[in-house]
Amino acid sequence: MKISDSFALTWFTAWSAIAFLTFGYDKWRASRSGNRVPESVLVLLGAVGGWPGGLLGMNLFRHKTAKWTFKFKYALALIPFAAEIWACLHWR
């Protein structure tokens, strides 16, 4: 495994974990009427590499799954995420 491969694996794993935990935190805050995480932050976390973790968090915590506008924005975040994956594979 090349150094760039291990960096990419670490990058995507870390951002997925951060996105997953942030979705869980936002669900927890929503149930307690506390300060919420802005939707733009959740989408940005998905776009920078945490898309799988965010999707898992959405489904596991059942958070933001009924709001179609958010699901559309999060689906659009798949575009930069996929571009990052492509770039990692293309420039190995």
PDB file of N, CA and C in Angstrom:
ATOM      1  N   MET A   1       0.838  -1.173   0.000  1.00  0.00           N
ATOM      2  CA  MET A   1       0.000   0.000   0.000  1.00  0.00           C
ATOM      3  C   MET A   1       0.885   1.239   0.000  1.00  0.00           C
ATOM      4  N   LYS A   2       0.594   2.143  -0.917  1.00  0.00           N
ATOM      5  CA  LYS A   2       1.348   3.387  -1.011  1.00  0.00           C
ATOM      6  C   LYS A   2       0.949   4.337   0.112  1.00  0.00           C
ATOM      7  N   ILE A   3       1.802   5.306   0.340  1.00  0.00           N
ATOM      8  CA  ILE A   3       1.499   6.319   1.350  1.00  0.00           C
ATOM      9  C   ILE A   3       0.242   7.090   0.976  1.00  0.00           C
ATOM     10  N   SER A   4       0.072   7.387  -0.314  1.00  0.00           N
ATOM     11  CA  SER A   4      -1.122   8.123  -0.737  1.00  0.00           C
ATOM     12  C   SER A   4      -2.389   7.308  -0.501  1.00  0.00           C
ATOM     13  N   ASP A   5      -2.296   5.976  -0.651  1.00  0.00           N
ATOM     14  CA  ASP A   5      -3.456   5.127  -0.381  1.00  0.00           C
ATOM     15  C   ASP A   5      -3.818   5.141   1.090  1.00  0.00           C
ATOM     16  N   SER A   6      -2.830   5.055   1.951  1.00  0.00           N
ATOM     17  CA  SER A   6      -3.109   5.065   3.386  1.00  0.00           C
ATOM     18  C   SER A   6      -3.605   6.440   3.834  1.00  0.00           C
ATOM     19  N   PHE A   7      -3.102   7.506   3.210  1.00  0.00           N
ATOM     20  CA  PHE A   7      -3.612   8.842   3.517  1.00  0.00           C
ATOM     21  C   PHE A   7      -5.078   8.961   3.125  1.00  0.00           C
ATOM     22  N   ALA A   8      -5.413   8.486   1.926  1.00  0.00           N
ATOM     23  CA  ALA A   8      -6.805   8.554   1.456  1.00  0.00           C
ATOM     24  C   ALA A   8      -7.718   7.731   2.356  1.00  0.00           C
ATOM     25  N   LEU A   9      -7.281   6.548   2.728  1.00  0.00           N
ATOM     26  CA  LEU A   9      -8.082   5.706   3.608  1.00  0.00           C
ATOM     27  C   LEU A   9      -8.297   6.387   4.956  1.00  0.00           C
ATOM     28  N   THR A  10      -7.254   6.984   5.501  1.00  0.00           N
ATOM     29  CA  THR A  10      -7.368   7.703   6.769  1.00  0.00           C
ATOM     30  C   THR A  10      -8.286   8.912   6.630  1.00  0.00           C
ATOM     31  N   TRP A  11      -8.127   9.646   5.532  1.00  0.00           N
ATOM     32  CA  TRP A  11      -8.945  10.836   5.270  1.00  0.00           C
ATOM     33  C   TRP A  11     -10.429  10.480   5.245  1.00  0.00           C
ATOM     34  N   PHE A  12     -10.797   9.504   4.422  1.00  0.00           N
ATOM     35  CA  PHE A  12     -12.209   9.160   4.278  1.00  0.00           C
ATOM     36  C   PHE A  12     -12.771   8.512   5.540  1.00  0.00           C
ATOM     37  N   THR A  13     -11.986   7.734   6.234  1.00  0.00           N
ATOM     38  CA  THR A  13     -12.442   7.123   7.481  1.00  0.00           C
ATOM     39  C   THR A  13     -12.677   8.183   8.556  1.00  0.00           C
ATOM     40  N   ALA A  14     -11.744   9.113   8.682  1.00  0.00           N
ATOM     41  CA  ALA A  14     -11.873  10.166   9.692  1.00  0.00           C
ATOM     42  C   ALA A  14     -13.078  11.059   9.420  1.00  0.00           C
ATOM     43  N   TRP A  15     -13.239  11.500   8.169  1.00  0.00           N
ATOM     44  CA  TRP A  15     -14.368  12.376   7.848  1.00  0.00           C
ATOM     45  C   TRP A  15     -15.699  11.647   7.959  1.00  0.00           C
ATOM     46  N   SER A  16     -15.716  10.365   7.632  1.00  0.00           N
ATOM     47  CA  SER A  16     -16.952   9.589   7.788  1.00  0.00           C
ATOM     48  C   SER A  16     -17.318   9.462   9.264  1.00  0.00           C
ATOM     49  N   ALA A  17     -16.329   9.240  10.104  1.00  0.00           N
ATOM     50  CA  ALA A  17     -16.592   9.148  11.541  1.00  0.00           C
ATOM     51  C   ALA A  17     -17.088  10.485  12.083  1.00  0.00           C
ATOM     52  N   ILE A  18     -16.473  11.568  11.651  1.00  0.00           N
ATOM     53  CA  ILE A  18     -16.895  12.901  12.093  1.00  0.00           C
ATOM     54  C   ILE A  18     -18.326  13.181  11.639  1.00  0.00           C
ATOM     55  N   ALA A  19     -18.638  12.861  10.382  1.00  0.00           N
ATOM     56  CA  ALA A  19     -19.988  13.087   9.866  1.00  0.00           C
ATOM     57  C   ALA A  19     -21.009  12.244  10.626  1.00  0.00           C
ATOM     58  N   PHE A  20     -20.690  10.975  10.864  1.00  0.00           N
ATOM     59  CA  PHE A  20     -21.585  10.085  11.595  1.00  0.00           C
ATOM     60  C   PHE A  20     -21.874  10.633  12.989  1.00  0.00           C
ATOM     61  N   LEU A  21     -20.827  11.018  13.694  1.00  0.00           N
ATOM     62  CA  LEU A  21     -20.993  11.542  15.046  1.00  0.00           C
ATOM     63  C   LEU A  21     -21.741  12.877  15.050  1.00  0.00           C
ATOM     64  N   THR A  22     -21.523  13.694  14.040  1.00  0.00           N
ATOM     65  CA  THR A  22     -22.207  14.988  13.968  1.00  0.00           C
ATOM     66  C   THR A  22     -23.700  14.797  13.719  1.00  0.00           C
ATOM     67  N   PHE A  23     -24.064  13.839  12.872  1.00  0.00           N
ATOM     68  CA  PHE A  23     -25.478  13.546  12.669  1.00  0.00           C
ATOM     69  C   PHE A  23     -26.110  13.054  13.973  1.00  0.00           C
ATOM     70  N   GLY A  24     -25.402  12.212  14.699  1.00  0.00           N
ATOM     71  CA  GLY A  24     -25.903  11.733  15.985  1.00  0.00           C
ATOM     72  C   GLY A  24     -26.051  12.857  16.993  1.00  0.00           C
ATOM     73  N   TYR A  25     -25.073  13.728  17.040  1.00  0.00           N
ATOM     74  CA  TYR A  25     -25.115  14.877  17.953  1.00  0.00           C
ATOM     75  C   TYR A  25     -26.285  15.787  17.599  1.00  0.00           C
ATOM     76  N   ASP A  26     -26.485  16.063  16.314  1.00  0.00           N
ATOM     77  CA  ASP A  26     -27.573  16.939  15.901  1.00  0.00           C
ATOM     78  C   ASP A  26     -28.923  16.317  16.242  1.00  0.00           C
ATOM     79  N   LYS A  27     -29.063  15.025  16.084  1.00  0.00           N
ATOM     80  CA  LYS A  27     -30.312  14.345  16.457  1.00  0.00           C
ATOM     81  C   LYS A  27     -30.530  14.463  17.966  1.00  0.00           C
ATOM     82  N   TRP A  28     -29.477  14.282  18.733  1.00  0.00           N
ATOM     83  CA  TRP A  28     -29.562  14.394  20.184  1.00  0.00           C
ATOM     84  C   TRP A  28     -29.982  15.806  20.588  1.00  0.00           C
ATOM     85  N   ARG A  29     -29.356  16.819  19.950  1.00  0.00           N
ATOM     86  CA  ARG A  29     -29.710  18.210  20.253  1.00  0.00           C
ATOM     87  C   ARG A  29     -31.141  18.520  19.816  1.00  0.00           C
ATOM     88  N   ALA A  30     -31.585  17.939  18.717  1.00  0.00           N
ATOM     89  CA  ALA A  30     -32.949  18.179  18.243  1.00  0.00           C
ATOM     90  C   ALA A  30     -33.973  17.632  19.232  1.00  0.00           C
ATOM     91  N   SER A  31     -33.671  16.504  19.829  1.00  0.00           N
ATOM     92  CA  SER A  31     -34.614  15.906  20.778  1.00  0.00           C
ATOM     93  C   SER A  31     -34.655  16.672  22.098  1.00  0.00           C
ATOM     94  N   ARG A  32     -33.679  17.527  22.338  1.00  0.00           N
ATOM     95  CA  ARG A  32     -33.627  18.309  23.572  1.00  0.00           C
ATOM     96  C   ARG A  32     -33.827  19.806  23.322  1.00  0.00           C
ATOM     97  N   SER A  33     -34.246  20.153  22.118  1.00  0.00           N
ATOM     98  CA  SER A  33     -34.487  21.546  21.728  1.00  0.00           C
ATOM     99  C   SER A  33     -33.277  22.431  21.984  1.00  0.00           C
ATOM    100  N   GLY A  34     -32.102  21.913  21.715  1.00  0.00           N
ATOM    101  CA  GLY A  34     -30.879  22.677  21.914  1.00  0.00           C
ATOM    102  C   GLY A  34     -30.401  23.319  20.624  1.00  0.00           C
ATOM    103  N   ASN A  35     -29.216  23.910  20.677  1.00  0.00           N
ATOM    104  CA  ASN A  35     -28.617  24.492  19.480  1.00  0.00           C
ATOM    105  C   ASN A  35     -28.306  23.383  18.500  1.00  0.00           C
ATOM    106  N   ARG A  36     -28.676  23.593  17.252  1.00  0.00           N
ATOM    107  CA  ARG A  36     -28.544  22.569  16.231  1.00  0.00           C
ATOM    108  C   ARG A  36     -27.323  22.816  15.362  1.00  0.00           C
ATOM    109  N   VAL A  37     -26.904  21.769  14.700  1.00  0.00           N
ATOM    110  CA  VAL A  37     -25.836  21.867  13.707  1.00  0.00           C
ATOM    111  C   VAL A  37     -26.495  22.345  12.411  1.00  0.00           C
ATOM    112  N   PRO A  38     -25.976  23.398  11.787  1.00  0.00           N
ATOM    113  CA  PRO A  38     -26.580  23.868  10.533  1.00  0.00           C
ATOM    114  C   PRO A  38     -26.531  22.789   9.444  1.00  0.00           C
ATOM    115  N   GLU A  39     -27.570  22.767   8.620  1.00  0.00           N
ATOM    116  CA  GLU A  39     -27.609  21.799   7.520  1.00  0.00           C
ATOM    117  C   GLU A  39     -26.405  21.953   6.609  1.00  0.00           C
ATOM    118  N   SER A  40     -25.957  23.179   6.419  1.00  0.00           N
ATOM    119  CA  SER A  40     -24.816  23.404   5.530  1.00  0.00           C
ATOM    120  C   SER A  40     -23.566  22.689   6.046  1.00  0.00           C
ATOM    121  N   VAL A  41     -23.413  22.610   7.357  1.00  0.00           N
ATOM    122  CA  VAL A  41     -22.265  21.905   7.942  1.00  0.00           C
ATOM    123  C   VAL A  41     -22.395  20.409   7.681  1.00  0.00           C
ATOM    124  N   LEU A  42     -23.599  19.865   7.840  1.00  0.00           N
ATOM    125  CA  LEU A  42     -23.806  18.439   7.594  1.00  0.00           C
ATOM    126  C   LEU A  42     -23.511  18.087   6.132  1.00  0.00           C
ATOM    127  N   VAL A  43     -23.967  18.938   5.219  1.00  0.00           N
ATOM    128  CA  VAL A  43     -23.713  18.708   3.792  1.00  0.00           C
ATOM    129  C   VAL A  43     -22.224  18.851   3.491  1.00  0.00           C
ATOM    130  N   LEU A  44     -21.580  19.845   4.078  1.00  0.00           N
ATOM    131  CA  LEU A  44     -20.153  20.052   3.853  1.00  0.00           C
ATOM    132  C   LEU A  44     -19.328  18.866   4.351  1.00  0.00           C
ATOM    133  N   LEU A  45     -19.700  18.312   5.496  1.00  0.00           N
ATOM    134  CA  LEU A  45     -18.992  17.133   6.004  1.00  0.00           C
ATOM    135  C   LEU A  45     -19.080  15.972   5.018  1.00  0.00           C
ATOM    136  N   GLY A  46     -20.245  15.820   4.399  1.00  0.00           N
ATOM    137  CA  GLY A  46     -20.390  14.778   3.386  1.00  0.00           C
ATOM    138  C   GLY A  46     -19.538  15.058   2.161  1.00  0.00           C
ATOM    139  N   ALA A  47     -19.498  16.317   1.763  1.00  0.00           N
ATOM    140  CA  ALA A  47     -18.775  16.684   0.547  1.00  0.00           C
ATOM    141  C   ALA A  47     -17.266  16.532   0.684  1.00  0.00           C
ATOM    142  N   VAL A  48     -16.717  16.780   1.880  1.00  0.00           N
ATOM    143  CA  VAL A  48     -15.258  16.724   2.038  1.00  0.00           C
ATOM    144  C   VAL A  48     -14.723  15.312   2.248  1.00  0.00           C
ATOM    145  N   GLY A  49     -15.612  14.349   2.350  1.00  0.00           N
ATOM    146  CA  GLY A  49     -15.141  12.973   2.481  1.00  0.00           C
ATOM    147  C   GLY A  49     -15.942  12.108   3.423  1.00  0.00           C
ATOM    148  N   GLY A  50     -16.903  12.691   4.109  1.00  0.00           N
ATOM    149  CA  GLY A  50     -17.661  11.928   5.087  1.00  0.00           C
ATOM    150  C   GLY A  50     -19.019  11.445   4.617  1.00  0.00           C
ATOM    151  N   TRP A  51     -19.216  11.389   3.311  1.00  0.00           N
ATOM    152  CA  TRP A  51     -20.524  11.044   2.774  1.00  0.00           C
ATOM    153  C   TRP A  51     -21.040   9.697   3.279  1.00  0.00           C
ATOM    154  N   PRO A  52     -20.251   8.635   3.268  1.00  0.00           N
ATOM    155  CA  PRO A  52     -20.782   7.349   3.760  1.00  0.00           C
ATOM    156  C   PRO A  52     -21.164   7.389   5.241  1.00  0.00           C
ATOM    157  N   GLY A  53     -20.358   8.026   6.063  1.00  0.00           N
ATOM    158  CA  GLY A  53     -20.665   8.134   7.483  1.00  0.00           C
ATOM    159  C   GLY A  53     -21.908   8.961   7.733  1.00  0.00           C
ATOM    160  N   GLY A  54     -22.087  10.025   6.965  1.00  0.00           N
ATOM    161  CA  GLY A  54     -23.291  10.838   7.088  1.00  0.00           C
ATOM    162  C   GLY A  54     -24.532  10.078   6.682  1.00  0.00           C
ATOM    163  N   LEU A  55     -24.429   9.320   5.603  1.00  0.00           N
ATOM    164  CA  LEU A  55     -25.564   8.518   5.162  1.00  0.00           C
ATOM    165  C   LEU A  55     -25.916   7.461   6.204  1.00  0.00           C
ATOM    166  N   LEU A  56     -24.908   6.832   6.766  1.00  0.00           N
ATOM    167  CA  LEU A  56     -25.139   5.853   7.825  1.00  0.00           C
ATOM    168  C   LEU A  56     -25.787   6.522   9.041  1.00  0.00           C
ATOM    169  N   GLY A  57     -25.294   7.707   9.402  1.00  0.00           N
ATOM    170  CA  GLY A  57     -25.868   8.443  10.520  1.00  0.00           C
ATOM    171  C   GLY A  57     -27.310   8.848  10.273  1.00  0.00           C
ATOM    172  N   MET A  58     -27.609   9.291   9.051  1.00  0.00           N
ATOM    173  CA  MET A  58     -28.989   9.644   8.715  1.00  0.00           C
ATOM    174  C   MET A  58     -29.914   8.456   8.939  1.00  0.00           C
ATOM    175  N   ASN A  59     -29.500   7.300   8.454  1.00  0.00           N
ATOM    176  CA  ASN A  59     -30.363   6.127   8.529  1.00  0.00           C
ATOM    177  C   ASN A  59     -30.405   5.515   9.928  1.00  0.00           C
ATOM    178  N   LEU A  60     -29.270   5.430  10.581  1.00  0.00           N
ATOM    179  CA  LEU A  60     -29.234   4.808  11.907  1.00  0.00           C
ATOM    180  C   LEU A  60     -29.954   5.659  12.958  1.00  0.00           C
ATOM    181  N   PHE A  61     -29.730   6.971  12.918  1.00  0.00           N
ATOM    182  CA  PHE A  61     -30.364   7.860  13.882  1.00  0.00           C
ATOM    183  C   PHE A  61     -31.741   8.337  13.415  1.00  0.00           C
ATOM    184  N   ARG A  62     -32.121   7.971  12.195  1.00  0.00           N
ATOM    185  CA  ARG A  62     -33.377   8.428  11.577  1.00  0.00           C
ATOM    186  C   ARG A  62     -33.476   9.944  11.669  1.00  0.00           C
ATOM    187  N   HIS A  63     -32.432  10.568  11.187  1.00  0.00           N
ATOM    188  CA  HIS A  63     -32.314  12.023  11.290  1.00  0.00           C
ATOM    189  C   HIS A  63     -32.263  12.635   9.903  1.00  0.00           C
ATOM    190  N   LYS A  64     -33.131  13.594   9.675  1.00  0.00           N
ATOM    191  CA  LYS A  64     -33.220  14.322   8.409  1.00  0.00           C
ATOM    192  C   LYS A  64     -33.694  13.433   7.260  1.00  0.00           C
ATOM    193  N   THR A  65     -34.293  12.299   7.560  1.00  0.00           N
ATOM    194  CA  THR A  65     -34.720  11.382   6.497  1.00  0.00           C
ATOM    195  C   THR A  65     -36.076  11.766   5.920  1.00  0.00           C
ATOM    196  N   ALA A  66     -36.868  12.539   6.616  1.00  0.00           N
ATOM    197  CA  ALA A  66     -38.178  12.939   6.117  1.00  0.00           C
ATOM    198  C   ALA A  66     -38.125  14.281   5.380  1.00  0.00           C
ATOM    199  N   LYS A  67     -37.031  14.978   5.500  1.00  0.00           N
ATOM    200  CA  LYS A  67     -36.907  16.306   4.900  1.00  0.00           C
ATOM    201  C   LYS A  67     -36.278  16.173   3.513  1.00  0.00           C
ATOM    202  N   TRP A  68     -37.119  16.212   2.469  1.00  0.00           N
ATOM    203  CA  TRP A  68     -36.640  15.939   1.116  1.00  0.00           C
ATOM    204  C   TRP A  68     -35.662  17.000   0.626  1.00  0.00           C
ATOM    205  N   THR A  69     -35.807  18.242   1.094  1.00  0.00           N
ATOM    206  CA  THR A  69     -34.866  19.275   0.636  1.00  0.00           C
ATOM    207  C   THR A  69     -33.454  18.977   1.144  1.00  0.00           C
ATOM    208  N   PHE A  70     -33.355  18.495   2.382  1.00  0.00           N
ATOM    209  CA  PHE A  70     -32.034  18.141   2.892  1.00  0.00           C
ATOM    210  C   PHE A  70     -31.494  16.915   2.166  1.00  0.00           C
ATOM    211  N   LYS A  71     -32.334  15.935   1.933  1.00  0.00           N
ATOM    212  CA  LYS A  71     -31.869  14.731   1.234  1.00  0.00           C
ATOM    213  C   LYS A  71     -31.358  15.083  -0.163  1.00  0.00           C
ATOM    214  N   PHE A  72     -32.007  16.048  -0.816  1.00  0.00           N
ATOM    215  CA  PHE A  72     -31.547  16.490  -2.134  1.00  0.00           C
ATOM    216  C   PHE A  72     -30.176  17.162  -2.031  1.00  0.00           C
ATOM    217  N   LYS A  73     -30.012  18.043  -1.043  1.00  0.00           N
ATOM    218  CA  LYS A  73     -28.713  18.710  -0.849  1.00  0.00           C
ATOM    219  C   LYS A  73     -27.620  17.693  -0.528  1.00  0.00           C
ATOM    220  N   TYR A  74     -27.972  16.708   0.296  1.00  0.00           N
ATOM    221  CA  TYR A  74     -26.972  15.703   0.659  1.00  0.00           C
ATOM    222  C   TYR A  74     -26.633  14.821  -0.537  1.00  0.00           C
ATOM    223  N   ALA A  75     -27.623  14.556  -1.374  1.00  0.00           N
ATOM    224  CA  ALA A  75     -27.357  13.796  -2.602  1.00  0.00           C
ATOM    225  C   ALA A  75     -26.404  14.574  -3.512  1.00  0.00           C
ATOM    226  N   LEU A  76     -26.555  15.890  -3.573  1.00  0.00           N
ATOM    227  CA  LEU A  76     -25.642  16.709  -4.378  1.00  0.00           C
ATOM    228  C   LEU A  76     -24.225  16.681  -3.813  1.00  0.00           C
ATOM    229  N   ALA A  77     -24.089  16.486  -2.510  1.00  0.00           N
ATOM    230  CA  ALA A  77     -22.762  16.392  -1.897  1.00  0.00           C
ATOM    231  C   ALA A  77     -22.035  15.132  -2.342  1.00  0.00           C
ATOM    232  N   LEU A  78     -22.764  14.202  -2.928  1.00  0.00           N
ATOM    233  CA  LEU A  78     -22.137  12.993  -3.462  1.00  0.00           C
ATOM    234  C   LEU A  78     -21.231  13.325  -4.655  1.00  0.00           C
ATOM    235  N   ILE A  79     -21.523  14.397  -5.346  1.00  0.00           N
ATOM    236  CA  ILE A  79     -20.723  14.773  -6.528  1.00  0.00           C
ATOM    237  C   ILE A  79     -19.275  15.088  -6.142  1.00  0.00           C
ATOM    238  N   PRO A  80     -19.027  16.026  -5.210  1.00  0.00           N
ATOM    239  CA  PRO A  80     -17.625  16.258  -4.844  1.00  0.00           C
ATOM    240  C   PRO A  80     -16.989  15.051  -4.148  1.00  0.00           C
ATOM    241  N   PHE A  81     -17.779  14.299  -3.392  1.00  0.00           N
ATOM    242  CA  PHE A  81     -17.244  13.104  -2.744  1.00  0.00           C
ATOM    243  C   PHE A  81     -16.777  12.098  -3.801  1.00  0.00           C
ATOM    244  N   ALA A  82     -17.602  11.881  -4.810  1.00  0.00           N
ATOM    245  CA  ALA A  82     -17.221  10.958  -5.880  1.00  0.00           C
ATOM    246  C   ALA A  82     -16.009  11.473  -6.650  1.00  0.00           C
ATOM    247  N   ALA A  83     -15.915  12.777  -6.817  1.00  0.00           N
ATOM    248  CA  ALA A  83     -14.750  13.363  -7.495  1.00  0.00           C
ATOM    249  C   ALA A  83     -13.479  13.127  -6.678  1.00  0.00           C
ATOM    250  N   GLU A  84     -13.590  13.190  -5.359  1.00  0.00           N
ATOM    251  CA  GLU A  84     -12.430  12.909  -4.505  1.00  0.00           C
ATOM    252  C   GLU A  84     -11.997  11.450  -4.646  1.00  0.00           C
ATOM    253  N   ILE A  85     -12.950  10.546  -4.658  1.00  0.00           N
ATOM    254  CA  ILE A  85     -12.639   9.124  -4.832  1.00  0.00           C
ATOM    255  C   ILE A  85     -11.974   8.905  -6.190  1.00  0.00           C
ATOM    256  N   TRP A  86     -12.554   9.524  -7.227  1.00  0.00           N
ATOM    257  CA  TRP A  86     -11.985   9.382  -8.570  1.00  0.00           C
ATOM    258  C   TRP A  86     -10.552   9.917  -8.594  1.00  0.00           C
ATOM    259  N   ALA A  87     -10.336  11.079  -7.989  1.00  0.00           N
ATOM    260  CA  ALA A  87      -8.998  11.686  -7.976  1.00  0.00           C
ATOM    261  C   ALA A  87      -8.002  10.788  -7.250  1.00  0.00           C
ATOM    262  N   CYS A  88      -8.426  10.197  -6.151  1.00  0.00           N
ATOM    263  CA  CYS A  88      -7.532   9.298  -5.411  1.00  0.00           C
ATOM    264  C   CYS A  88      -7.158   8.084  -6.241  1.00  0.00           C
ATOM    265  N   LEU A  89      -8.105   7.545  -6.964  1.00  0.00           N
ATOM    266  CA  LEU A  89      -7.833   6.374  -7.799  1.00  0.00           C
ATOM    267  C   LEU A  89      -7.054   6.723  -9.056  1.00  0.00           C
ATOM    268  N   HIS A  90      -7.339   7.908  -9.596  1.00  0.00           N
ATOM    269  CA  HIS A  90      -6.687   8.322 -10.844  1.00  0.00           C
ATOM    270  C   HIS A  90      -5.213   8.684 -10.645  1.00  0.00           C
ATOM    271  N   TRP A  91      -4.890   9.326  -9.540  1.00  0.00           N
ATOM    272  CA  TRP A  91      -3.536   9.794  -9.309  1.00  0.00           C
ATOM    273  C   TRP A  91      -2.796   8.971  -8.273  1.00  0.00           C
ATOM    274  N   ARG A  92      -3.007   7.695  -8.255  1.00  0.00           N
ATOM    275  CA  ARG A  92      -2.334   6.821  -7.291  1.00  0.00           C
ATOM    276  C   ARG A  92      -0.891   6.739  -7.644  1.00  0.00           C
TER     277      ARG A  92
END
